[in-house]
Amino acid sequence: AAITGFIIFIYLVPEYSPLYSIDSRLDREQVIAISKSVAEKMGSDVEGNLMQNTTFRSDAYSLGYLESKIGIGATNALVRKDSIPLDFWYVIWFDPAKQSTNGTKLEIQITAGGKLMGFERHVPDTMSGVTLSEQEASSVFHKFWDSRGLSGLTGVDLSAWKLKDIQPVKLDPRQDW
């Protein structure tokens, strides 16, 4: 009976354990290389004085929600296919001298399969800039996205998306969208 239980355990664990859904096909060095490529496409120089920190993360809240709705096996199958990026690499490039003073930083998220999942570029609130209308800001963003080939890098065709809500953030030297 013990042998039968062990065989069943070995057979079912890969199907139902969340740990077995993690399949990062990339190592840390590959992830850093991908993030450098993304940073360059975005016009950011990460080779200078910036430091970098790379971690592998999981979205436990989304994992729990999906498991409750579609089951553990189905959730794990989606995660293994890289269809739903619940496991991902998080890379941050930052200036260590300004780390706690609202300095420039670049955050990049890459799926376990190597796709760009997200990015954020933070600049100091005191950095000057222009104040654009919503339409002008949208135009600048789309030109930026297209000129850097980010649709191909992310697999996201922005023409298929409609922006649902947008609010300006008014800062003393500029307005962000």
C-alpha atoms as a PDB file:
ATOM      1  CA  ALA A   1       0.000   0.000   0.000  1.00  0.00           C
ATOM      2  CA  ALA A   2       2.873   2.365   0.789  1.00  0.00           C
ATOM      3  CA  ILE A   3       4.448   1.731  -2.600  1.00  0.00           C
ATOM      4  CA  THR A   4       1.138   2.378  -4.357  1.00  0.00           C
ATOM      5  CA  GLY A   5       0.678   5.626  -2.422  1.00  0.00           C
ATOM      6  CA  PHE A   6       4.218   6.715  -3.299  1.00  0.00           C
ATOM      7  CA  ILE A   7       3.679   5.982  -7.011  1.00  0.00           C
ATOM      8  CA  ILE A   8       0.409   7.940  -7.009  1.00  0.00           C
ATOM      9  CA  PHE A   9       2.161  10.805  -5.172  1.00  0.00           C
ATOM     10  CA  ILE A  10       5.007  10.888  -7.732  1.00  0.00           C
ATOM     11  CA  TYR A  11       2.480  10.841 -10.580  1.00  0.00           C
ATOM     12  CA  LEU A  12       0.187  13.578  -9.198  1.00  0.00           C
ATOM     13  CA  VAL A  13       2.674  16.034  -7.642  1.00  0.00           C
ATOM     14  CA  PRO A  14       3.848  17.525 -10.984  1.00  0.00           C
ATOM     15  CA  GLU A  15       0.211  18.011 -12.015  1.00  0.00           C
ATOM     16  CA  TYR A  16      -1.075  19.645  -8.850  1.00  0.00           C
ATOM     17  CA  SER A  17       1.790  21.249  -6.958  1.00  0.00           C
ATOM     18  CA  PRO A  18       2.280  24.979  -7.693  1.00  0.00           C
ATOM     19  CA  LEU A  19       6.036  24.468  -7.326  1.00  0.00           C
ATOM     20  CA  TYR A  20       6.031  22.291 -10.430  1.00  0.00           C
ATOM     21  CA  SER A  21       4.375  25.016 -12.524  1.00  0.00           C
ATOM     22  CA  ILE A  22       7.534  27.143 -12.261  1.00  0.00           C
ATOM     23  CA  ASP A  23       9.551  26.665 -15.410  1.00  0.00           C
ATOM     24  CA  SER A  24      12.035  29.470 -15.835  1.00  0.00           C
ATOM     25  CA  ARG A  25      13.893  28.642 -19.005  1.00  0.00           C
ATOM     26  CA  LEU A  26      16.271  31.515 -18.369  1.00  0.00           C
ATOM     27  CA  ASP A  27      19.113  31.978 -15.955  1.00  0.00           C
ATOM     28  CA  ARG A  28      19.974  35.264 -14.252  1.00  0.00           C
ATOM     29  CA  GLU A  29      22.614  36.254 -16.853  1.00  0.00           C
ATOM     30  CA  GLN A  30      20.151  35.751 -19.730  1.00  0.00           C
ATOM     31  CA  VAL A  31      17.545  37.851 -17.927  1.00  0.00           C
ATOM     32  CA  ILE A  32      20.043  40.665 -17.335  1.00  0.00           C
ATOM     33  CA  ALA A  33      21.012  40.577 -21.035  1.00  0.00           C
ATOM     34  CA  ILE A  34      17.338  40.791 -22.071  1.00  0.00           C
ATOM     35  CA  SER A  35      16.742  43.680 -19.658  1.00  0.00           C
ATOM     36  CA  LYS A  36      19.761  45.553 -21.051  1.00  0.00           C
ATOM     37  CA  SER A  37      18.363  45.113 -24.556  1.00  0.00           C
ATOM     38  CA  VAL A  38      14.955  46.419 -23.432  1.00  0.00           C
ATOM     39  CA  ALA A  39      16.606  49.388 -21.666  1.00  0.00           C
ATOM     40  CA  GLU A  40      18.563  50.265 -24.829  1.00  0.00           C
ATOM     41  CA  LYS A  41      15.396  50.086 -26.955  1.00  0.00           C
ATOM     42  CA  MET A  42      13.754  52.458 -24.493  1.00  0.00           C
ATOM     43  CA  GLY A  43      16.669  54.878 -24.747  1.00  0.00           C
ATOM     44  CA  SER A  44      18.042  54.212 -21.249  1.00  0.00           C
ATOM     45  CA  ASP A  45      21.754  53.757 -20.611  1.00  0.00           C
ATOM     46  CA  VAL A  46      22.169  51.130 -17.897  1.00  0.00           C
ATOM     47  CA  GLU A  47      25.900  50.591 -18.421  1.00  0.00           C
ATOM     48  CA  GLY A  48      26.972  53.759 -16.573  1.00  0.00           C
ATOM     49  CA  ASN A  49      26.834  54.186 -12.817  1.00  0.00           C
ATOM     50  CA  LEU A  50      23.561  52.320 -12.356  1.00  0.00           C
ATOM     51  CA  MET A  51      23.341  49.237 -10.174  1.00  0.00           C
ATOM     52  CA  GLN A  52      21.048  46.343 -10.932  1.00  0.00           C
ATOM     53  CA  ASN A  53      19.094  43.889  -8.822  1.00  0.00           C
ATOM     54  CA  THR A  54      17.427  40.814 -10.306  1.00  0.00           C
ATOM     55  CA  THR A  55      14.906  38.595  -8.520  1.00  0.00           C
ATOM     56  CA  PHE A  56      12.494  35.833  -9.532  1.00  0.00           C
ATOM     57  CA  ARG A  57       8.984  36.504  -8.260  1.00  0.00           C
ATOM     58  CA  SER A  58       5.582  34.864  -8.171  1.00  0.00           C
ATOM     59  CA  ASP A  59       2.136  36.457  -8.037  1.00  0.00           C
ATOM     60  CA  ALA A  60       0.616  34.408  -5.210  1.00  0.00           C
ATOM     61  CA  TYR A  61      -2.684  36.327  -5.155  1.00  0.00           C
ATOM     62  CA  SER A  62      -3.434  35.690  -8.825  1.00  0.00           C
ATOM     63  CA  LEU A  63      -2.277  32.098  -8.472  1.00  0.00           C
ATOM     64  CA  GLY A  64      -4.711  31.522  -5.597  1.00  0.00           C
ATOM     65  CA  TYR A  65      -7.568  33.179  -7.489  1.00  0.00           C
ATOM     66  CA  LEU A  66      -7.020  31.100 -10.626  1.00  0.00           C
ATOM     67  CA  GLU A  67      -6.663  27.884  -8.634  1.00  0.00           C
ATOM     68  CA  SER A  68     -10.011  28.581  -6.934  1.00  0.00           C
ATOM     69  CA  LYS A  69     -11.730  29.315 -10.268  1.00  0.00           C
ATOM     70  CA  ILE A  70     -10.256  26.768 -12.720  1.00  0.00           C
ATOM     71  CA  GLY A  71      -8.370  24.318 -10.500  1.00  0.00           C
ATOM     72  CA  ILE A  72      -4.742  23.682  -9.688  1.00  0.00           C
ATOM     73  CA  GLY A  73      -3.992  21.469 -12.689  1.00  0.00           C
ATOM     74  CA  ALA A  74      -5.453  23.902 -15.245  1.00  0.00           C
ATOM     75  CA  THR A  75      -3.695  26.856 -13.599  1.00  0.00           C
ATOM     76  CA  ASN A  76      -0.348  25.061 -13.616  1.00  0.00           C
ATOM     77  CA  ALA A  77      -0.814  24.164 -17.298  1.00  0.00           C
ATOM     78  CA  LEU A  78      -1.390  27.850 -18.181  1.00  0.00           C
ATOM     79  CA  VAL A  79       1.635  28.945 -16.167  1.00  0.00           C
ATOM     80  CA  ARG A  80       3.870  26.286 -17.768  1.00  0.00           C
ATOM     81  CA  LYS A  81       2.839  27.511 -21.249  1.00  0.00           C
ATOM     82  CA  ASP A  82       3.823  31.093 -20.253  1.00  0.00           C
ATOM     83  CA  SER A  83       0.229  32.085 -21.128  1.00  0.00           C
ATOM     84  CA  ILE A  84      -0.317  33.749 -17.768  1.00  0.00           C
ATOM     85  CA  PRO A  85       2.841  35.274 -16.285  1.00  0.00           C
ATOM     86  CA  LEU A  86       2.400  34.389 -12.624  1.00  0.00           C
ATOM     87  CA  ASP A  87       6.112  33.631 -12.310  1.00  0.00           C
ATOM     88  CA  PHE A  88       8.441  36.321 -13.625  1.00  0.00           C
ATOM     89  CA  TRP A  89      11.827  37.981 -13.378  1.00  0.00           C
ATOM     90  CA  TYR A  90      11.979  41.479 -11.930  1.00  0.00           C
ATOM     91  CA  VAL A  91      15.021  43.588 -12.806  1.00  0.00           C
ATOM     92  CA  ILE A  92      15.581  47.067 -11.427  1.00  0.00           C
ATOM     93  CA  TRP A  93      18.339  49.459 -12.546  1.00  0.00           C
ATOM     94  CA  PHE A  94      18.947  52.353 -10.156  1.00  0.00           C
ATOM     95  CA  ASP A  95      21.434  54.989  -9.063  1.00  0.00           C
ATOM     96  CA  PRO A  96      22.645  53.897  -5.605  1.00  0.00           C
ATOM     97  CA  ALA A  97      23.543  57.473  -4.647  1.00  0.00           C
ATOM     98  CA  LYS A  98      19.935  58.581  -5.182  1.00  0.00           C
ATOM     99  CA  GLN A  99      18.153  55.396  -4.203  1.00  0.00           C
ATOM    100  CA  SER A 100      16.226  56.946  -1.341  1.00  0.00           C
ATOM    101  CA  THR A 101      15.836  60.413  -2.856  1.00  0.00           C
ATOM    102  CA  ASN A 102      13.486  59.741  -5.743  1.00  0.00           C
ATOM    103  CA  GLY A 103      16.246  59.131  -8.293  1.00  0.00           C
ATOM    104  CA  THR A 104      15.991  57.738 -11.781  1.00  0.00           C
ATOM    105  CA  LYS A 105      15.271  54.026 -11.968  1.00  0.00           C
ATOM    106  CA  LEU A 106      14.139  51.524 -14.557  1.00  0.00           C
ATOM    107  CA  GLU A 107      12.058  48.480 -13.636  1.00  0.00           C
ATOM    108  CA  ILE A 108      11.638  45.631 -16.115  1.00  0.00           C
ATOM    109  CA  GLN A 109       9.523  42.485 -15.729  1.00  0.00           C
ATOM    110  CA  ILE A 110      10.258  39.457 -17.926  1.00  0.00           C
ATOM    111  CA  THR A 111       8.163  36.285 -18.018  1.00  0.00           C
ATOM    112  CA  ALA A 112       9.728  32.956 -17.108  1.00  0.00           C
ATOM    113  CA  GLY A 113       9.722  32.215 -20.864  1.00  0.00           C
ATOM    114  CA  GLY A 114      11.634  35.392 -21.757  1.00  0.00           C
ATOM    115  CA  LYS A 115       8.883  37.754 -22.949  1.00  0.00           C
ATOM    116  CA  LEU A 116       8.772  41.388 -21.862  1.00  0.00           C
ATOM    117  CA  MET A 117       5.900  41.624 -19.399  1.00  0.00           C
ATOM    118  CA  GLY A 118       6.200  45.215 -18.243  1.00  0.00           C
ATOM    119  CA  PHE A 119       8.465  48.157 -17.634  1.00  0.00           C
ATOM    120  CA  GLU A 120       8.423  51.395 -15.703  1.00  0.00           C
ATOM    121  CA  ARG A 121      10.803  54.299 -15.990  1.00  0.00           C
ATOM    122  CA  HIS A 122      10.873  56.565 -12.970  1.00  0.00           C
ATOM    123  CA  VAL A 123      12.384  60.032 -13.072  1.00  0.00           C
ATOM    124  CA  PRO A 124      12.720  62.478 -10.180  1.00  0.00           C
ATOM    125  CA  ASP A 125       9.609  64.550  -9.491  1.00  0.00           C
ATOM    126  CA  THR A 126      11.782  67.653  -9.735  1.00  0.00           C
ATOM    127  CA  MET A 127      12.916  66.857 -13.297  1.00  0.00           C
ATOM    128  CA  SER A 128      11.578  69.491 -15.642  1.00  0.00           C
ATOM    129  CA  GLY A 129       9.481  68.623 -18.641  1.00  0.00           C
ATOM    130  CA  VAL A 130       6.636  69.828 -20.776  1.00  0.00           C
ATOM    131  CA  THR A 131       2.933  69.918 -20.086  1.00  0.00           C
ATOM    132  CA  LEU A 132       1.082  68.049 -22.809  1.00  0.00           C
ATOM    133  CA  SER A 133      -2.594  67.552 -23.477  1.00  0.00           C
ATOM    134  CA  GLU A 134      -3.953  64.013 -23.254  1.00  0.00           C
ATOM    135  CA  GLN A 135      -3.951  63.724 -27.051  1.00  0.00           C
ATOM    136  CA  GLU A 136      -0.375  65.036 -27.361  1.00  0.00           C
ATOM    137  CA  ALA A 137       0.845  62.654 -24.636  1.00  0.00           C
ATOM    138  CA  SER A 138      -0.876  59.731 -26.367  1.00  0.00           C
ATOM    139  CA  SER A 139       0.752  60.654 -29.672  1.00  0.00           C
ATOM    140  CA  VAL A 140       4.214  60.886 -28.067  1.00  0.00           C
ATOM    141  CA  PHE A 141       3.722  57.498 -26.395  1.00  0.00           C
ATOM    142  CA  HIS A 142       2.594  55.749 -29.585  1.00  0.00           C
ATOM    143  CA  LYS A 143       5.525  57.186 -31.547  1.00  0.00           C
ATOM    144  CA  PHE A 144       7.881  56.039 -28.776  1.00  0.00           C
ATOM    145  CA  TRP A 145       6.324  52.530 -28.746  1.00  0.00           C
ATOM    146  CA  ASP A 146       6.439  52.142 -32.525  1.00  0.00           C
ATOM    147  CA  SER A 147       9.907  53.652 -33.066  1.00  0.00           C
ATOM    148  CA  ARG A 148      11.458  51.205 -30.603  1.00  0.00           C
ATOM    149  CA  GLY A 149       9.680  48.122 -31.933  1.00  0.00           C
ATOM    150  CA  LEU A 150       8.038  47.406 -28.592  1.00  0.00           C
ATOM    151  CA  SER A 151       5.026  45.686 -30.201  1.00  0.00           C
ATOM    152  CA  GLY A 152       7.341  42.959 -31.464  1.00  0.00           C
ATOM    153  CA  LEU A 153       9.184  42.745 -28.168  1.00  0.00           C
ATOM    154  CA  THR A 154       6.027  42.455 -26.070  1.00  0.00           C
ATOM    155  CA  GLY A 155       3.663  40.805 -28.537  1.00  0.00           C
ATOM    156  CA  VAL A 156       1.169  43.602 -27.794  1.00  0.00           C
ATOM    157  CA  ASP A 157      -0.549  45.393 -30.672  1.00  0.00           C
ATOM    158  CA  LEU A 158      -1.681  48.678 -29.129  1.00  0.00           C
ATOM    159  CA  SER A 159      -4.250  49.288 -31.880  1.00  0.00           C
ATOM    160  CA  ALA A 160      -6.276  46.427 -30.380  1.00  0.00           C
ATOM    161  CA  TRP A 161      -6.403  48.155 -26.984  1.00  0.00           C
ATOM    162  CA  LYS A 162      -8.576  51.030 -25.816  1.00  0.00           C
ATOM    163  CA  LEU A 163      -7.434  53.205 -22.919  1.00  0.00           C
ATOM    164  CA  LYS A 164     -10.176  53.131 -20.337  1.00  0.00           C
ATOM    165  CA  ASP A 165      -9.114  55.804 -17.860  1.00  0.00           C
ATOM    166  CA  ILE A 166      -6.355  58.367 -17.714  1.00  0.00           C
ATOM    167  CA  GLN A 167      -5.653  61.107 -15.219  1.00  0.00           C
ATOM    168  CA  PRO A 168      -2.852  63.659 -15.375  1.00  0.00           C
ATOM    169  CA  VAL A 169      -0.388  63.949 -12.513  1.00  0.00           C
ATOM    170  CA  LYS A 170       0.528  67.596 -12.042  1.00  0.00           C
ATOM    171  CA  LEU A 171       4.032  68.168 -10.741  1.00  0.00           C
ATOM    172  CA  ASP A 172       5.656  71.525 -10.199  1.00  0.00           C
ATOM    173  CA  PRO A 173       7.955  71.419 -13.240  1.00  0.00           C
ATOM    174  CA  ARG A 174       5.749  69.277 -15.537  1.00  0.00           C
ATOM    175  CA  GLN A 175       2.614  67.192 -15.986  1.00  0.00           C
ATOM    176  CA  ASP A 176       2.803  63.405 -16.331  1.00  0.00           C
ATOM    177  CA  TRP A 177       0.184  61.120 -17.837  1.00  0.00           C
END
